[in-house]
Amino acid sequence: MPYEDELKSLSHPVRQNVIDELARQPLSVRELTMRIDVSQPVMSQHLKVLKDADIIRVRPEGTRNIYFINKQKLNEMRAFWTAHWSDLLVSINEQEE
């Protein structure tokens, strides 16, 4: 199934919270750990999962790394799932008739 890795990366509650925070603004690991109650090593592991799935990206800013949402990837996923669910619903409706 397309986007399986991306969807898996979003399945953990901490990673969902990370996405919610990054949707508001790009943040560093330290800023994320201050907003989400996990240690820095745990946060780094979650960020790696999201980064490996290309859901988020990182840019160096001085001595910090700033994490931000990969809007293009999320838009691709949304377009796929919108089309997929629309087709699925049409198919279900046709079966009911």
C-alpha atoms as a PDB file:
ATOM      1  CA  MET A   1       0.000   0.000   0.000  1.00  0.00           C
ATOM      2  CA  PRO A   2       1.351   3.466  -0.809  1.00  0.00           C
ATOM      3  CA  TYR A   3       2.473   5.574   2.153  1.00  0.00           C
ATOM      4  CA  GLU A   4       2.618   2.609   4.535  1.00  0.00           C
ATOM      5  CA  ASP A   5       5.884   3.794   6.129  1.00  0.00           C
ATOM      6  CA  GLU A   6       4.616   7.328   6.426  1.00  0.00           C
ATOM      7  CA  LEU A   7       1.402   6.180   8.099  1.00  0.00           C
ATOM      8  CA  LYS A   8       3.334   3.937  10.492  1.00  0.00           C
ATOM      9  CA  SER A   9       5.494   6.904  11.442  1.00  0.00           C
ATOM     10  CA  LEU A  10       2.356   8.825  12.399  1.00  0.00           C
ATOM     11  CA  SER A  11       0.868   6.016  14.501  1.00  0.00           C
ATOM     12  CA  HIS A  12       2.573   6.888  17.799  1.00  0.00           C
ATOM     13  CA  PRO A  13       0.912   9.499  20.074  1.00  0.00           C
ATOM     14  CA  VAL A  14       4.201  11.318  20.748  1.00  0.00           C
ATOM     15  CA  ARG A  15       4.845  11.645  17.016  1.00  0.00           C
ATOM     16  CA  GLN A  16       1.293  12.899  16.520  1.00  0.00           C
ATOM     17  CA  ASN A  17       1.982  15.544  19.173  1.00  0.00           C
ATOM     18  CA  VAL A  18       5.222  16.468  17.402  1.00  0.00           C
ATOM     19  CA  ILE A  19       3.310  16.995  14.159  1.00  0.00           C
ATOM     20  CA  ASP A  20       0.730  19.122  15.986  1.00  0.00           C
ATOM     21  CA  GLU A  21       3.482  21.308  17.466  1.00  0.00           C
ATOM     22  CA  LEU A  22       5.416  21.594  14.199  1.00  0.00           C
ATOM     23  CA  ALA A  23       2.212  22.524  12.380  1.00  0.00           C
ATOM     24  CA  ARG A  24       2.172  25.652  14.535  1.00  0.00           C
ATOM     25  CA  GLN A  25       5.838  26.531  13.957  1.00  0.00           C
ATOM     26  CA  PRO A  26       9.274  24.999  13.303  1.00  0.00           C
ATOM     27  CA  LEU A  27      11.002  23.987  16.549  1.00  0.00           C
ATOM     28  CA  SER A  28      14.255  22.599  17.934  1.00  0.00           C
ATOM     29  CA  VAL A  29      14.529  19.336  19.877  1.00  0.00           C
ATOM     30  CA  ARG A  30      14.809  21.288  23.115  1.00  0.00           C
ATOM     31  CA  GLU A  31      11.679  23.304  22.348  1.00  0.00           C
ATOM     32  CA  LEU A  32       9.781  20.132  21.473  1.00  0.00           C
ATOM     33  CA  THR A  33      10.832  18.385  24.705  1.00  0.00           C
ATOM     34  CA  MET A  34       9.659  21.431  26.671  1.00  0.00           C
ATOM     35  CA  ARG A  35       6.221  21.178  25.035  1.00  0.00           C
ATOM     36  CA  ILE A  36       5.908  17.375  25.007  1.00  0.00           C
ATOM     37  CA  ASP A  37       6.786  15.527  28.201  1.00  0.00           C
ATOM     38  CA  VAL A  38       9.561  13.212  26.972  1.00  0.00           C
ATOM     39  CA  SER A  39      13.328  13.190  27.381  1.00  0.00           C
ATOM     40  CA  GLN A  40      15.635  14.561  24.716  1.00  0.00           C
ATOM     41  CA  PRO A  41      16.890  11.084  23.663  1.00  0.00           C
ATOM     42  CA  VAL A  42      13.306   9.817  23.316  1.00  0.00           C
ATOM     43  CA  MET A  43      12.327  12.910  21.340  1.00  0.00           C
ATOM     44  CA  SER A  44      15.339  12.440  19.064  1.00  0.00           C
ATOM     45  CA  GLN A  45      14.237   8.863  18.343  1.00  0.00           C
ATOM     46  CA  HIS A  46      10.735  10.004  17.417  1.00  0.00           C
ATOM     47  CA  LEU A  47      12.104  12.789  15.237  1.00  0.00           C
ATOM     48  CA  LYS A  48      14.314  10.267  13.433  1.00  0.00           C
ATOM     49  CA  VAL A  49      11.291   8.093  12.620  1.00  0.00           C
ATOM     50  CA  LEU A  50       9.406  11.073  11.210  1.00  0.00           C
ATOM     51  CA  LYS A  51      12.461  12.299   9.332  1.00  0.00           C
ATOM     52  CA  ASP A  52      13.152   8.840   7.843  1.00  0.00           C
ATOM     53  CA  ALA A  53       9.545   8.772   6.603  1.00  0.00           C
ATOM     54  CA  ASP A  54      10.118  12.247   5.102  1.00  0.00           C
ATOM     55  CA  ILE A  55       7.204  13.650   7.115  1.00  0.00           C
ATOM     56  CA  ILE A  56       9.484  16.264   8.657  1.00  0.00           C
ATOM     57  CA  ARG A  57      12.710  17.905   7.594  1.00  0.00           C
ATOM     58  CA  VAL A  58      15.511  19.597   9.480  1.00  0.00           C
ATOM     59  CA  ARG A  59      17.625  22.667   8.835  1.00  0.00           C
ATOM     60  CA  PRO A  60      20.655  23.793  10.803  1.00  0.00           C
ATOM     61  CA  GLU A  61      20.285  27.167  12.476  1.00  0.00           C
ATOM     62  CA  GLY A  62      23.429  28.165  14.339  1.00  0.00           C
ATOM     63  CA  THR A  63      24.139  25.412  16.850  1.00  0.00           C
ATOM     64  CA  ARG A  64      20.593  24.037  16.727  1.00  0.00           C
ATOM     65  CA  ASN A  65      18.640  21.898  14.312  1.00  0.00           C
ATOM     66  CA  ILE A  66      15.185  23.203  13.527  1.00  0.00           C
ATOM     67  CA  TYR A  67      12.511  20.666  12.561  1.00  0.00           C
ATOM     68  CA  PHE A  68       9.614  21.519  10.287  1.00  0.00           C
ATOM     69  CA  ILE A  69       6.785  19.771   8.430  1.00  0.00           C
ATOM     70  CA  ASN A  70       7.404  18.547   4.891  1.00  0.00           C
ATOM     71  CA  LYS A  71       4.265  20.115   3.422  1.00  0.00           C
ATOM     72  CA  GLN A  72       4.804  18.543   0.009  1.00  0.00           C
ATOM     73  CA  LYS A  73       4.789  15.010   1.472  1.00  0.00           C
ATOM     74  CA  LEU A  74       1.664  15.656   3.534  1.00  0.00           C
ATOM     75  CA  ASN A  75      -0.099  17.168   0.525  1.00  0.00           C
ATOM     76  CA  GLU A  76       0.801  14.092  -1.554  1.00  0.00           C
ATOM     77  CA  MET A  77      -0.543  11.802   1.163  1.00  0.00           C
ATOM     78  CA  ARG A  78      -3.730  13.837   1.517  1.00  0.00           C
ATOM     79  CA  ALA A  79      -4.335  13.779  -2.245  1.00  0.00           C
ATOM     80  CA  PHE A  80      -3.806  10.012  -2.369  1.00  0.00           C
ATOM     81  CA  TRP A  81      -6.100   9.303   0.565  1.00  0.00           C
ATOM     82  CA  THR A  82      -8.785  11.706  -0.639  1.00  0.00           C
ATOM     83  CA  ALA A  83      -8.862   9.946  -4.008  1.00  0.00           C
ATOM     84  CA  HIS A  84      -8.637   6.491  -2.407  1.00  0.00           C
ATOM     85  CA  TRP A  85     -11.503   7.077   0.008  1.00  0.00           C
ATOM     86  CA  SER A  86     -13.640   8.773  -2.642  1.00  0.00           C
ATOM     87  CA  ASP A  87     -13.216   5.765  -4.951  1.00  0.00           C
ATOM     88  CA  LEU A  88     -13.882   3.377  -2.078  1.00  0.00           C
ATOM     89  CA  LEU A  89     -17.070   5.174  -1.073  1.00  0.00           C
ATOM     90  CA  VAL A  90     -18.318   5.163  -4.678  1.00  0.00           C
ATOM     91  CA  SER A  91     -17.667   1.420  -4.832  1.00  0.00           C
ATOM     92  CA  ILE A  92     -19.543   0.821  -1.566  1.00  0.00           C
ATOM     93  CA  ASN A  93     -22.485   2.927  -2.732  1.00  0.00           C
ATOM     94  CA  GLU A  94     -22.656   1.002  -5.993  1.00  0.00           C
ATOM     95  CA  GLN A  95     -22.758  -2.284  -4.070  1.00  0.00           C
ATOM     96  CA  GLU A  96     -25.683  -1.061  -1.967  1.00  0.00           C
ATOM     97  CA  GLU A  97     -27.820  -0.274  -5.007  1.00  0.00           C
END
